[in-house]
Amino acid sequence: MLLISWTNQNPAQQYPIGLVMERMDRFVMIPVPLVAIATGIVLSWGTLWGFVRWYWVVVKQLATYGLMALAPFTVHEWIVQMTDLSHAGVAGAAYTNLQRLHVLASMVIVVTGTAIVTISVVKPWGRRRPARPT
């Protein structure tokens, strides 16, 4: 969707492309983090990694929850607004501003997703120390 939005400069194509991006966002981009969270819970519960035993697991969880909390209320809304503007035929500056926001947010999502996968493979931070009994 990043590339679609970034390269979509033709006003005649903005509405149909907006419809495609809306569907992709609704049926793919929003459910994928839910699946990631569900599999993370299962893996954390059923393996030695646990929920908060390792710093890298905590960082991955926070990044995933952050994307899940922000994407539906920002990126999804911007896509809907771009589609509405292009359907009404008033694309212009308002559309361009929304498109820039969408491209920037999509870049953040891609970089964060890449970081999450990299952290999963590299496991860069060690184990958290258990609380000392008082």
Protein backbone atom coordinates (compact mmCIF):
# COMPACT_ATOMS: atom_id res chain seq x y z
CA MET A 1 0.00 0.00 0.00
CA LEU A 2 2.97 2.28 0.57
CA LEU A 3 4.04 1.96 -3.06
CA ILE A 4 0.48 2.25 -4.35
CA SER A 5 -0.15 5.45 -2.42
CA TRP A 6 3.28 6.91 -3.17
CA THR A 7 3.03 6.41 -6.93
CA ASN A 8 -0.66 7.28 -7.34
CA GLN A 9 -0.48 10.70 -9.00
CA ASN A 10 -3.20 10.34 -11.65
CA PRO A 11 -6.45 11.95 -10.41
CA ALA A 12 -8.52 9.65 -12.64
CA GLN A 13 -7.12 6.61 -10.80
CA GLN A 14 -7.28 7.95 -7.26
CA TYR A 15 -10.82 6.81 -6.49
CA PRO A 16 -10.52 3.19 -7.69
CA ILE A 17 -7.10 2.88 -6.08
CA GLY A 18 -8.55 4.32 -2.88
CA LEU A 19 -11.25 1.64 -2.91
CA VAL A 20 -8.63 -1.08 -3.34
CA MET A 21 -6.51 0.34 -0.50
CA GLU A 22 -9.58 0.55 1.76
CA ARG A 23 -10.36 -3.13 1.19
CA MET A 24 -6.74 -4.18 1.65
CA ASP A 25 -6.54 -2.19 4.86
CA ARG A 26 -9.81 -3.49 6.27
CA PHE A 27 -9.32 -7.16 5.42
CA VAL A 28 -5.53 -7.53 5.65
CA MET A 29 -3.71 -4.71 7.42
CA ILE A 30 -5.98 -4.50 10.46
CA PRO A 31 -6.32 -8.27 11.13
CA VAL A 32 -2.59 -9.05 10.66
CA PRO A 33 -1.52 -7.37 13.95
CA LEU A 34 -4.31 -9.27 15.73
CA VAL A 35 -2.86 -12.53 14.42
CA ALA A 36 0.63 -11.39 15.47
CA ILE A 37 -0.63 -10.65 18.99
CA ALA A 38 -2.48 -13.97 19.20
CA THR A 39 0.53 -16.00 18.06
CA GLY A 40 2.77 -13.99 20.38
CA ILE A 41 0.53 -14.86 23.33
CA VAL A 42 0.52 -18.55 22.42
CA LEU A 43 4.30 -18.63 21.93
CA SER A 44 4.97 -16.65 25.11
CA TRP A 45 2.69 -18.88 27.12
CA GLY A 46 3.97 -22.15 25.74
CA THR A 47 7.73 -21.57 25.52
CA LEU A 48 10.64 -20.57 27.72
CA TRP A 49 10.55 -17.04 26.31
CA GLY A 50 7.58 -16.08 28.48
CA PHE A 51 5.73 -12.77 28.39
CA VAL A 52 8.26 -10.51 30.10
CA ARG A 53 11.33 -12.66 30.82
CA TRP A 54 13.37 -11.24 27.95
CA TYR A 55 13.82 -7.62 26.93
CA TRP A 56 13.51 -8.39 23.23
CA VAL A 57 10.08 -10.02 23.76
CA VAL A 58 8.85 -6.96 25.67
CA VAL A 59 10.10 -4.60 22.93
CA LYS A 60 8.37 -6.68 20.24
CA GLN A 61 5.14 -6.70 22.22
CA LEU A 62 5.18 -2.94 22.75
CA ALA A 63 5.92 -2.28 19.07
CA THR A 64 3.12 -4.60 17.94
CA TYR A 65 0.62 -3.11 20.40
CA GLY A 66 1.63 0.38 19.31
CA LEU A 67 1.01 -0.41 15.65
CA MET A 68 -2.27 -2.07 16.51
CA ALA A 69 -3.41 0.95 18.51
CA LEU A 70 -2.36 3.61 16.01
CA ALA A 71 -2.96 2.17 12.54
CA PRO A 72 -6.76 1.84 12.58
CA PHE A 73 -7.19 5.38 13.92
CA THR A 74 -4.70 7.08 11.63
CA VAL A 75 -3.76 5.22 8.47
CA HIS A 76 -7.19 3.66 7.96
CA GLU A 77 -8.94 7.00 8.46
CA TRP A 78 -6.59 8.73 6.03
CA ILE A 79 -7.30 6.10 3.38
CA VAL A 80 -11.04 6.55 3.86
CA GLN A 81 -10.70 10.34 3.64
CA MET A 82 -8.56 10.11 0.48
CA THR A 83 -11.16 7.84 -1.11
CA ASP A 84 -13.99 10.20 -0.13
CA LEU A 85 -12.15 13.25 -1.50
CA SER A 86 -11.31 11.55 -4.79
CA HIS A 87 -14.89 10.28 -5.15
CA ALA A 88 -16.22 13.82 -4.62
CA GLY A 89 -13.76 15.12 -7.22
CA VAL A 90 -12.03 17.51 -4.84
CA ALA A 91 -8.67 15.75 -4.65
CA GLY A 92 -6.32 18.76 -4.83
CA ALA A 93 -4.24 19.92 -1.87
CA ALA A 94 -6.33 18.16 0.78
CA TYR A 95 -5.81 14.82 -0.98
CA THR A 96 -2.09 15.48 -1.39
CA ASN A 97 -1.70 16.25 2.32
CA LEU A 98 -3.51 13.05 3.31
CA GLN A 99 -1.47 11.09 0.79
CA ARG A 100 1.77 12.42 2.31
CA LEU A 101 0.59 11.47 5.80
CA HIS A 102 -0.35 8.00 4.55
CA VAL A 103 3.02 7.47 2.86
CA LEU A 104 4.92 8.65 5.94
CA ALA A 105 2.87 6.46 8.30
CA SER A 106 3.23 3.50 5.93
CA MET A 107 7.01 3.96 5.98
CA VAL A 108 6.93 3.92 9.79
CA ILE A 109 4.84 0.72 9.70
CA VAL A 110 7.23 -0.98 7.26
CA VAL A 111 10.31 0.02 9.28
CA THR A 112 8.69 -1.05 12.56
CA GLY A 113 7.58 -4.38 11.07
CA THR A 114 11.08 -5.00 9.74
CA ALA A 115 12.52 -4.16 13.16
CA ILE A 116 10.10 -6.59 14.84
CA VAL A 117 11.13 -9.41 12.51
CA THR A 118 14.82 -8.57 12.95
CA ILE A 119 14.44 -8.60 16.74
CA SER A 120 12.76 -12.01 16.50
CA VAL A 121 15.70 -13.44 14.59
CA VAL A 122 18.60 -11.71 16.34
CA LYS A 123 17.18 -11.65 19.91
CA PRO A 124 19.53 -8.79 20.78
CA TRP A 125 18.79 -8.16 24.45
CA GLY A 126 19.22 -10.53 27.30
CA ARG A 127 17.03 -11.86 30.03
CA ARG A 128 15.37 -9.53 32.51
CA ARG A 129 16.46 -10.01 36.05
CA PRO A 130 13.80 -11.28 38.40
CA ALA A 131 12.70 -9.00 41.19
CA ARG A 132 14.70 -9.50 44.36
CA PRO A 133 12.73 -10.65 47.37
CA THR A 134 12.47 -7.98 50.04
